Amino acid sequence: VQLQASGGGLVQAGGSLRLSCAASGRTFSSYAMGWFRQAPGKEREFVAAIRWSGGYQVYADSVKGRFTISRDIVKNMVYLQMNSLKPEDTAVYYCAATPRTGLPRGEYDYWGQGTQVTVSS
């Protein structure tokens, strides 16, 4: 399994970014796909997850209503649309995949490299 995240950058508070994650190496129909983030000096935290089949989603409370996770089954892509960004959203964002059932908030099996998101005040 290979996961390639992209789309990070510098944005002002209140702005938007869309992160992309290209997934390859197998069929993901039974997988959950997730986004995590890690700010400097902090532990990695769960952001959002989606079931590849069915599109069921779950979000961390800190991003609920501002971020939207989605997937494109044809292109094998997972996206994280981030709106109303805040300085506290600044972090390295990672996409991840797991064959575990449900919508896990941790213990993912495959990880992509991170993409930096910086939100200026």
C-alpha atoms as a PDB file:
ATOM      1  CA  VAL A   1       0.000   0.000   0.000  1.00  0.00           C
ATOM      2  CA  GLN A   2       1.308   3.412  -0.950  1.00  0.00           C
ATOM      3  CA  LEU A   3      -0.203   6.679   0.192  1.00  0.00           C
ATOM      4  CA  GLN A   4       0.932  10.013  -1.188  1.00  0.00           C
ATOM      5  CA  ALA A   5      -0.370  13.157   0.492  1.00  0.00           C
ATOM      6  CA  SER A   6      -0.234  16.596  -1.088  1.00  0.00           C
ATOM      7  CA  GLY A   7      -1.912  19.977  -1.052  1.00  0.00           C
ATOM      8  CA  GLY A   8      -0.480  21.570   2.054  1.00  0.00           C
ATOM      9  CA  GLY A   9       0.672  25.152   2.164  1.00  0.00           C
ATOM     10  CA  LEU A  10       0.471  28.524   3.867  1.00  0.00           C
ATOM     11  CA  VAL A  11      -2.937  30.132   4.276  1.00  0.00           C
ATOM     12  CA  GLN A  12      -4.381  32.961   6.325  1.00  0.00           C
ATOM     13  CA  ALA A  13      -6.821  32.312   9.119  1.00  0.00           C
ATOM     14  CA  GLY A  14     -10.301  31.888   7.730  1.00  0.00           C
ATOM     15  CA  GLY A  15      -9.001  30.492   4.466  1.00  0.00           C
ATOM     16  CA  SER A  16      -9.340  27.083   2.886  1.00  0.00           C
ATOM     17  CA  LEU A  17      -7.116  24.274   1.651  1.00  0.00           C
ATOM     18  CA  ARG A  18      -7.819  20.876   0.132  1.00  0.00           C
ATOM     19  CA  LEU A  19      -5.467  18.033   0.911  1.00  0.00           C
ATOM     20  CA  SER A  20      -5.254  15.049  -1.400  1.00  0.00           C
ATOM     21  CA  CYS A  21      -4.087  11.510  -0.783  1.00  0.00           C
ATOM     22  CA  ALA A  22      -3.330   9.202  -3.694  1.00  0.00           C
ATOM     23  CA  ALA A  23      -3.794   5.572  -2.682  1.00  0.00           C
ATOM     24  CA  SER A  24      -2.348   2.636  -4.589  1.00  0.00           C
ATOM     25  CA  GLY A  25      -1.138  -0.904  -4.198  1.00  0.00           C
ATOM     26  CA  ARG A  26      -4.351  -2.752  -3.576  1.00  0.00           C
ATOM     27  CA  THR A  27      -8.135  -2.566  -3.657  1.00  0.00           C
ATOM     28  CA  PHE A  28      -9.381  -0.398  -0.841  1.00  0.00           C
ATOM     29  CA  SER A  29     -13.054  -1.375  -0.865  1.00  0.00           C
ATOM     30  CA  SER A  30     -12.859  -2.866   2.652  1.00  0.00           C
ATOM     31  CA  TYR A  31     -10.615  -0.164   4.066  1.00  0.00           C
ATOM     32  CA  ALA A  32     -11.062   2.875   6.241  1.00  0.00           C
ATOM     33  CA  MET A  33      -9.040   5.914   5.232  1.00  0.00           C
ATOM     34  CA  GLY A  34      -8.036   8.546   7.731  1.00  0.00           C
ATOM     35  CA  TRP A  35      -6.396  11.906   8.136  1.00  0.00           C
ATOM     36  CA  PHE A  36      -4.235  12.702  11.142  1.00  0.00           C
ATOM     37  CA  ARG A  37      -2.141  15.688  12.089  1.00  0.00           C
ATOM     38  CA  GLN A  38       0.808  16.466  14.313  1.00  0.00           C
ATOM     39  CA  ALA A  39       1.683  19.928  15.511  1.00  0.00           C
ATOM     40  CA  PRO A  40       5.178  20.781  16.791  1.00  0.00           C
ATOM     41  CA  GLY A  41       5.692  19.438  20.278  1.00  0.00           C
ATOM     42  CA  LYS A  42       2.364  17.604  20.290  1.00  0.00           C
ATOM     43  CA  GLU A  43       1.252  14.052  19.754  1.00  0.00           C
ATOM     44  CA  ARG A  44      -0.310  12.986  16.502  1.00  0.00           C
ATOM     45  CA  GLU A  45      -4.081  13.355  16.622  1.00  0.00           C
ATOM     46  CA  PHE A  46      -7.000  11.990  14.673  1.00  0.00           C
ATOM     47  CA  VAL A  47      -8.751  14.398  12.314  1.00  0.00           C
ATOM     48  CA  ALA A  48     -11.247  12.444  10.194  1.00  0.00           C
ATOM     49  CA  ALA A  49     -11.946   9.028   8.704  1.00  0.00           C
ATOM     50  CA  ILE A  50     -14.086   7.590   5.929  1.00  0.00           C
ATOM     51  CA  ARG A  51     -15.087   4.098   4.882  1.00  0.00           C
ATOM     52  CA  TRP A  52     -14.027   3.459   1.316  1.00  0.00           C
ATOM     53  CA  SER A  53     -17.229   1.539   0.719  1.00  0.00           C
ATOM     54  CA  GLY A  54     -20.317   3.500   1.675  1.00  0.00           C
ATOM     55  CA  GLY A  55     -18.559   6.747   2.466  1.00  0.00           C
ATOM     56  CA  TYR A  56     -19.413   6.786   6.181  1.00  0.00           C
ATOM     57  CA  GLN A  57     -17.481   9.517   7.969  1.00  0.00           C
ATOM     58  CA  VAL A  58     -16.348  10.549  11.434  1.00  0.00           C
ATOM     59  CA  TYR A  59     -14.609  13.709  12.604  1.00  0.00           C
ATOM     60  CA  ALA A  60     -12.693  14.996  15.570  1.00  0.00           C
ATOM     61  CA  ASP A  61     -14.718  17.542  17.524  1.00  0.00           C
ATOM     62  CA  SER A  62     -12.100  20.194  16.828  1.00  0.00           C
ATOM     63  CA  VAL A  63     -12.734  20.097  13.059  1.00  0.00           C
ATOM     64  CA  LYS A  64     -16.394  19.111  12.889  1.00  0.00           C
ATOM     65  CA  GLY A  65     -18.334  21.524  10.699  1.00  0.00           C
ATOM     66  CA  ARG A  66     -15.167  22.949   9.126  1.00  0.00           C
ATOM     67  CA  PHE A  67     -13.452  19.954   7.531  1.00  0.00           C
ATOM     68  CA  THR A  68     -14.916  17.432   5.110  1.00  0.00           C
ATOM     69  CA  ILE A  69     -13.370  14.102   4.182  1.00  0.00           C
ATOM     70  CA  SER A  70     -14.295  12.477   0.891  1.00  0.00           C
ATOM     71  CA  ARG A  71     -13.036   9.847  -1.520  1.00  0.00           C
ATOM     72  CA  ASP A  72     -13.049   9.306  -5.272  1.00  0.00           C
ATOM     73  CA  ILE A  73     -13.398   5.601  -5.912  1.00  0.00           C
ATOM     74  CA  VAL A  74     -12.485   5.876  -9.598  1.00  0.00           C
ATOM     75  CA  LYS A  75      -9.328   7.914  -9.028  1.00  0.00           C
ATOM     76  CA  ASN A  76      -8.362   6.138  -5.771  1.00  0.00           C
ATOM     77  CA  MET A  77      -8.068   9.468  -4.025  1.00  0.00           C
ATOM     78  CA  VAL A  78      -9.000  10.669  -0.553  1.00  0.00           C
ATOM     79  CA  TYR A  79      -9.486  14.359   0.136  1.00  0.00           C
ATOM     80  CA  LEU A  80      -9.676  16.611   3.152  1.00  0.00           C
ATOM     81  CA  GLN A  81     -11.403  19.909   2.450  1.00  0.00           C
ATOM     82  CA  MET A  82     -10.462  22.338   5.195  1.00  0.00           C
ATOM     83  CA  ASN A  83     -12.484  25.538   5.569  1.00  0.00           C
ATOM     84  CA  SER A  84     -12.444  28.312   8.163  1.00  0.00           C
ATOM     85  CA  LEU A  85      -8.883  27.417   9.040  1.00  0.00           C
ATOM     86  CA  LYS A  86      -7.464  28.548  12.372  1.00  0.00           C
ATOM     87  CA  PRO A  87      -3.857  28.988  13.503  1.00  0.00           C
ATOM     88  CA  GLU A  88      -4.316  25.973  15.767  1.00  0.00           C
ATOM     89  CA  ASP A  89      -4.872  23.835  12.652  1.00  0.00           C
ATOM     90  CA  THR A  90      -1.194  24.312  11.823  1.00  0.00           C
ATOM     91  CA  ALA A  91       0.411  20.869  11.658  1.00  0.00           C
ATOM     92  CA  VAL A  92       1.829  18.201   9.420  1.00  0.00           C
ATOM     93  CA  TYR A  93      -1.121  16.269   8.018  1.00  0.00           C
ATOM     94  CA  TYR A  94      -0.901  12.561   7.247  1.00  0.00           C
ATOM     95  CA  CYS A  95      -3.212  10.214   5.392  1.00  0.00           C
ATOM     96  CA  ALA A  96      -3.517   6.645   6.559  1.00  0.00           C
ATOM     97  CA  ALA A  97      -5.303   3.408   5.710  1.00  0.00           C
ATOM     98  CA  THR A  98      -6.443   0.346   7.621  1.00  0.00           C
ATOM     99  CA  PRO A  99      -8.411  -2.812   6.819  1.00  0.00           C
ATOM    100  CA  ARG A 100      -9.981  -2.698  10.289  1.00  0.00           C
ATOM    101  CA  THR A 101     -13.743  -2.467  10.462  1.00  0.00           C
ATOM    102  CA  GLY A 102     -15.678   0.600  11.469  1.00  0.00           C
ATOM    103  CA  LEU A 103     -14.172   4.086  11.524  1.00  0.00           C
ATOM    104  CA  PRO A 104     -11.035   3.794  13.638  1.00  0.00           C
ATOM    105  CA  ARG A 105      -9.520   6.855  15.254  1.00  0.00           C
ATOM    106  CA  GLY A 106      -6.164   5.180  15.701  1.00  0.00           C
ATOM    107  CA  GLU A 107      -4.060   2.102  14.970  1.00  0.00           C
ATOM    108  CA  TYR A 108      -3.849   2.565  11.233  1.00  0.00           C
ATOM    109  CA  ASP A 109      -1.640   0.160   9.331  1.00  0.00           C
ATOM    110  CA  TYR A 110      -0.372   2.241   6.437  1.00  0.00           C
ATOM    111  CA  TRP A 111       0.807   5.833   6.444  1.00  0.00           C
ATOM    112  CA  GLY A 112       1.760   8.347   3.822  1.00  0.00           C
ATOM    113  CA  GLN A 113       4.344  11.047   4.173  1.00  0.00           C
ATOM    114  CA  GLY A 114       3.073  14.260   5.702  1.00  0.00           C
ATOM    115  CA  THR A 115       2.143  17.537   4.107  1.00  0.00           C
ATOM    116  CA  GLN A 116       2.648  20.787   6.010  1.00  0.00           C
ATOM    117  CA  VAL A 117      -0.290  23.082   6.651  1.00  0.00           C
ATOM    118  CA  THR A 118       0.483  26.474   8.150  1.00  0.00           C
ATOM    119  CA  VAL A 119      -2.280  28.891   9.094  1.00  0.00           C
ATOM    120  CA  SER A 120      -1.198  32.438   9.819  1.00  0.00           C
ATOM    121  CA  SER A 121      -3.150  34.749  12.106  1.00  0.00           C
END
